[in-house]
Amino acid sequence: MSQKPKVAFICVHNSCRSQIAEAIGKYLASDVFESYSAGTQTVPQINQDAVRLMKQLYGIDMEQTQYSKLLTELPPIDIVVTMGCNVNCPYLPCKYRENWGLDDPSGKDEAEYRKTIAAIEQKMMALKEFVKENFEH
C-alpha cells in the first residue's frame, strides 16, 4: 500500500489561513491526503480569532494539535497550496502546486473570518477530489 500524498498549506506567518487549512484538511480529507502547514516566518501563537471560530464551527482546537512552523520542518511534500501571500510566496519542491488567493482576515471582523473559513472548506473539497483522481494512494 502506498502512502497518502502530503499536502502543505503555505503562507508567510503560518498563523491563520494556512493553520485553518491544515485543520480543515485533517478534518475533511485525512482519508485522501495528509495535511501540513508552514510559513517562512513563525509567530508565537496561532491567530486567536481563527482558533475560536474553528472551535465553534468544527469543534477543532488548533492550539492542541498545531503550532506555527517553518517550511524546513516539513517532510517531503507532494502538493503545495499557497494561501495568497501578496508577496513572493515561498517555494517548496512538489509534484503539484496551486494558489488559493485568499485574503488574510487577520484584524478584520468575524464575518471575514467566516467567509475565509467557508472558502477554505470549499477549496478543500475540490482539492480532495483532485487528489483522488490524480494521485495514487
C-alpha atoms as a PDB file:
ATOM      1  CA  MET A   1       0.000   0.000   0.000  1.00  0.00           C
ATOM      2  CA  SER A   2       1.413   3.363  -0.962  1.00  0.00           C
ATOM      3  CA  GLN A   3       1.388   6.323   1.369  1.00  0.00           C
ATOM      4  CA  LYS A   4      -1.145   9.104   1.115  1.00  0.00           C
ATOM      5  CA  PRO A   5       0.107  12.256  -0.634  1.00  0.00           C
ATOM      6  CA  LYS A   6       1.337  15.014   1.676  1.00  0.00           C
ATOM      7  CA  VAL A   7      -0.223  18.458   1.191  1.00  0.00           C
ATOM      8  CA  ALA A   8       1.367  21.619   2.623  1.00  0.00           C
ATOM      9  CA  PHE A   9      -0.681  24.784   3.089  1.00  0.00           C
ATOM     10  CA  ILE A  10       1.757  27.679   2.994  1.00  0.00           C
ATOM     11  CA  CYS A  11       1.677  31.371   3.880  1.00  0.00           C
ATOM     12  CA  VAL A  12       4.181  33.783   5.352  1.00  0.00           C
ATOM     13  CA  HIS A  13       3.454  33.623   9.099  1.00  0.00           C
ATOM     14  CA  ASN A  14       1.661  30.275   9.391  1.00  0.00           C
ATOM     15  CA  SER A  15      -0.768  31.776  11.882  1.00  0.00           C
ATOM     16  CA  CYS A  16      -4.207  31.995  10.255  1.00  0.00           C
ATOM     17  CA  ARG A  17      -5.219  30.817   6.750  1.00  0.00           C
ATOM     18  CA  SER A  18      -2.668  28.011   6.465  1.00  0.00           C
ATOM     19  CA  GLN A  19      -3.479  26.829  10.004  1.00  0.00           C
ATOM     20  CA  ILE A  20      -7.212  26.803   9.203  1.00  0.00           C
ATOM     21  CA  ALA A  21      -6.472  24.853   6.006  1.00  0.00           C
ATOM     22  CA  GLU A  22      -4.358  22.299   7.876  1.00  0.00           C
ATOM     23  CA  ALA A  23      -7.148  21.773  10.431  1.00  0.00           C
ATOM     24  CA  ILE A  24      -9.916  21.523   7.807  1.00  0.00           C
ATOM     25  CA  GLY A  25      -7.740  19.228   5.686  1.00  0.00           C
ATOM     26  CA  LYS A  26      -7.232  16.884   8.626  1.00  0.00           C
ATOM     27  CA  TYR A  27     -10.952  17.070   9.421  1.00  0.00           C
ATOM     28  CA  LEU A  28     -12.386  16.579   5.909  1.00  0.00           C
ATOM     29  CA  ALA A  29      -9.695  14.910   3.788  1.00  0.00           C
ATOM     30  CA  SER A  30      -7.496  12.750   6.026  1.00  0.00           C
ATOM     31  CA  ASP A  31      -8.769   9.674   4.179  1.00  0.00           C
ATOM     32  CA  VAL A  32      -7.188  11.018   0.954  1.00  0.00           C
ATOM     33  CA  PHE A  33      -4.122  13.055   1.990  1.00  0.00           C
ATOM     34  CA  GLU A  34      -2.048  14.188   4.966  1.00  0.00           C
ATOM     35  CA  SER A  35      -2.292  17.917   5.775  1.00  0.00           C
ATOM     36  CA  TYR A  36       0.523  20.159   6.987  1.00  0.00           C
ATOM     37  CA  SER A  37       1.017  23.909   7.225  1.00  0.00           C
ATOM     38  CA  ALA A  38       4.090  26.115   7.444  1.00  0.00           C
ATOM     39  CA  GLY A  39       5.476  29.553   6.696  1.00  0.00           C
ATOM     40  CA  THR A  40       8.674  31.444   6.021  1.00  0.00           C
ATOM     41  CA  GLN A  41       8.334  33.051   9.456  1.00  0.00           C
ATOM     42  CA  THR A  42       6.610  31.881  12.615  1.00  0.00           C
ATOM     43  CA  VAL A  43       4.520  33.541  15.275  1.00  0.00           C
ATOM     44  CA  PRO A  44       4.347  32.628  18.966  1.00  0.00           C
ATOM     45  CA  GLN A  45       0.616  31.871  18.829  1.00  0.00           C
ATOM     46  CA  ILE A  46      -1.962  30.841  16.205  1.00  0.00           C
ATOM     47  CA  ASN A  47      -4.424  33.645  15.372  1.00  0.00           C
ATOM     48  CA  GLN A  48      -6.907  33.645  18.277  1.00  0.00           C
ATOM     49  CA  ASP A  49      -9.954  34.588  16.192  1.00  0.00           C
ATOM     50  CA  ALA A  50      -9.216  31.625  13.904  1.00  0.00           C
ATOM     51  CA  VAL A  51      -8.779  29.347  16.941  1.00  0.00           C
ATOM     52  CA  ARG A  52     -12.094  30.494  18.451  1.00  0.00           C
ATOM     53  CA  LEU A  53     -14.076  30.097  15.217  1.00  0.00           C
ATOM     54  CA  MET A  54     -12.616  26.686  14.379  1.00  0.00           C
ATOM     55  CA  LYS A  55     -13.720  25.521  17.855  1.00  0.00           C
ATOM     56  CA  GLN A  56     -17.220  26.927  17.258  1.00  0.00           C
ATOM     57  CA  LEU A  57     -17.667  25.654  13.705  1.00  0.00           C
ATOM     58  CA  TYR A  58     -15.871  22.291  13.772  1.00  0.00           C
ATOM     59  CA  GLY A  59     -15.091  21.512  17.401  1.00  0.00           C
ATOM     60  CA  ILE A  60     -11.372  21.608  16.497  1.00  0.00           C
ATOM     61  CA  ASP A  61      -8.890  23.075  18.984  1.00  0.00           C
ATOM     62  CA  MET A  62      -5.996  24.052  16.721  1.00  0.00           C
ATOM     63  CA  GLU A  63      -3.855  25.003  19.719  1.00  0.00           C
ATOM     64  CA  GLN A  64      -3.945  21.374  20.894  1.00  0.00           C
ATOM     65  CA  THR A  65      -2.931  19.858  17.559  1.00  0.00           C
ATOM     66  CA  GLN A  66      -0.983  22.555  15.657  1.00  0.00           C
ATOM     67  CA  TYR A  67       1.658  25.247  16.054  1.00  0.00           C
ATOM     68  CA  SER A  68       3.350  27.822  13.842  1.00  0.00           C
ATOM     69  CA  LYS A  69       6.227  26.166  11.988  1.00  0.00           C
ATOM     70  CA  LEU A  70       8.784  26.844   9.270  1.00  0.00           C
ATOM     71  CA  LEU A  71       8.983  25.265   5.823  1.00  0.00           C
ATOM     72  CA  THR A  72      12.163  23.473   6.914  1.00  0.00           C
ATOM     73  CA  GLU A  73      10.153  21.499   9.498  1.00  0.00           C
ATOM     74  CA  LEU A  74       8.010  19.769   6.854  1.00  0.00           C
ATOM     75  CA  PRO A  75       8.537  16.265   5.495  1.00  0.00           C
ATOM     76  CA  PRO A  76       8.908  15.927   1.693  1.00  0.00           C
ATOM     77  CA  ILE A  77       5.702  17.357   0.203  1.00  0.00           C
ATOM     78  CA  ASP A  78       3.711  16.189  -2.842  1.00  0.00           C
ATOM     79  CA  ILE A  79       1.285  19.111  -3.167  1.00  0.00           C
ATOM     80  CA  VAL A  80       1.814  22.758  -2.199  1.00  0.00           C
ATOM     81  CA  VAL A  81      -1.131  25.111  -1.734  1.00  0.00           C
ATOM     82  CA  THR A  82      -0.229  28.754  -1.201  1.00  0.00           C
ATOM     83  CA  MET A  83      -2.872  30.840   0.516  1.00  0.00           C
ATOM     84  CA  GLY A  84      -2.350  34.066  -1.442  1.00  0.00           C
ATOM     85  CA  CYS A  85       0.554  35.799   0.235  1.00  0.00           C
ATOM     86  CA  ASN A  86       0.539  39.099  -1.711  1.00  0.00           C
ATOM     87  CA  VAL A  87       4.329  38.812  -1.563  1.00  0.00           C
ATOM     88  CA  ASN A  88       6.627  36.247  -3.140  1.00  0.00           C
ATOM     89  CA  CYS A  89       5.069  33.038  -1.949  1.00  0.00           C
ATOM     90  CA  PRO A  90       7.627  30.645  -0.545  1.00  0.00           C
ATOM     91  CA  TYR A  91       8.972  27.956  -2.856  1.00  0.00           C
ATOM     92  CA  LEU A  92       8.818  24.332  -1.853  1.00  0.00           C
ATOM     93  CA  PRO A  93       9.615  21.431  -4.213  1.00  0.00           C
ATOM     94  CA  CYS A  94       6.497  19.405  -5.059  1.00  0.00           C
ATOM     95  CA  LYS A  95       4.659  17.444  -7.772  1.00  0.00           C
ATOM     96  CA  TYR A  96       1.710  19.852  -7.960  1.00  0.00           C
ATOM     97  CA  ARG A  97       1.071  23.414  -6.789  1.00  0.00           C
ATOM     98  CA  GLU A  98      -1.884  25.784  -6.639  1.00  0.00           C
ATOM     99  CA  ASN A  99      -2.593  29.216  -5.167  1.00  0.00           C
ATOM    100  CA  TRP A 100      -5.895  29.728  -3.390  1.00  0.00           C
ATOM    101  CA  GLY A 101      -5.554  33.525  -3.465  1.00  0.00           C
ATOM    102  CA  LEU A 102      -7.310  34.128  -0.149  1.00  0.00           C
ATOM    103  CA  ASP A 103      -7.180  37.492   1.611  1.00  0.00           C
ATOM    104  CA  ASP A 104      -5.863  37.358   5.166  1.00  0.00           C
ATOM    105  CA  PRO A 105      -8.767  38.010   7.559  1.00  0.00           C
ATOM    106  CA  SER A 106      -6.401  38.934  10.429  1.00  0.00           C
ATOM    107  CA  GLY A 107      -7.502  42.146  12.104  1.00  0.00           C
ATOM    108  CA  LYS A 108     -10.887  42.107  10.330  1.00  0.00           C
ATOM    109  CA  ASP A 109     -14.356  41.311  11.662  1.00  0.00           C
ATOM    110  CA  GLU A 110     -15.784  37.857  12.316  1.00  0.00           C
ATOM    111  CA  ALA A 111     -17.713  37.874   9.017  1.00  0.00           C
ATOM    112  CA  GLU A 112     -14.394  37.995   7.113  1.00  0.00           C
ATOM    113  CA  TYR A 113     -13.060  35.035   9.090  1.00  0.00           C
ATOM    114  CA  ARG A 114     -16.226  33.061   8.428  1.00  0.00           C
ATOM    115  CA  LYS A 115     -16.007  33.901   4.714  1.00  0.00           C
ATOM    116  CA  THR A 116     -12.364  32.751   4.612  1.00  0.00           C
ATOM    117  CA  ILE A 117     -13.127  29.528   6.522  1.00  0.00           C
ATOM    118  CA  ALA A 118     -16.046  28.748   4.157  1.00  0.00           C
ATOM    119  CA  ALA A 119     -13.811  29.399   1.126  1.00  0.00           C
ATOM    120  CA  ILE A 120     -11.114  27.105   2.545  1.00  0.00           C
ATOM    121  CA  GLU A 121     -13.676  24.349   3.158  1.00  0.00           C
ATOM    122  CA  GLN A 122     -14.990  24.649  -0.406  1.00  0.00           C
ATOM    123  CA  LYS A 123     -11.487  24.628  -1.905  1.00  0.00           C
ATOM    124  CA  MET A 124     -10.533  21.692   0.333  1.00  0.00           C
ATOM    125  CA  MET A 125     -13.355  19.566  -1.046  1.00  0.00           C
ATOM    126  CA  ALA A 126     -12.275  20.384  -4.620  1.00  0.00           C
ATOM    127  CA  LEU A 127      -8.646  19.546  -3.751  1.00  0.00           C
ATOM    128  CA  LYS A 128      -9.744  16.268  -2.183  1.00  0.00           C
ATOM    129  CA  GLU A 129     -11.488  15.278  -5.435  1.00  0.00           C
ATOM    130  CA  PHE A 130      -8.479  16.371  -7.498  1.00  0.00           C
ATOM    131  CA  VAL A 131      -6.106  14.284  -5.370  1.00  0.00           C
ATOM    132  CA  LYS A 132      -8.438  11.251  -5.549  1.00  0.00           C
ATOM    133  CA  GLU A 133      -8.451  11.468  -9.343  1.00  0.00           C
ATOM    134  CA  ASN A 134      -4.793  12.333  -9.939  1.00  0.00           C
ATOM    135  CA  PHE A 135      -2.652  10.786  -7.206  1.00  0.00           C
ATOM    136  CA  GLU A 136      -2.254   7.154  -6.292  1.00  0.00           C
ATOM    137  CA  HIS A 137      -2.934   6.298  -2.686  1.00  0.00           C
END
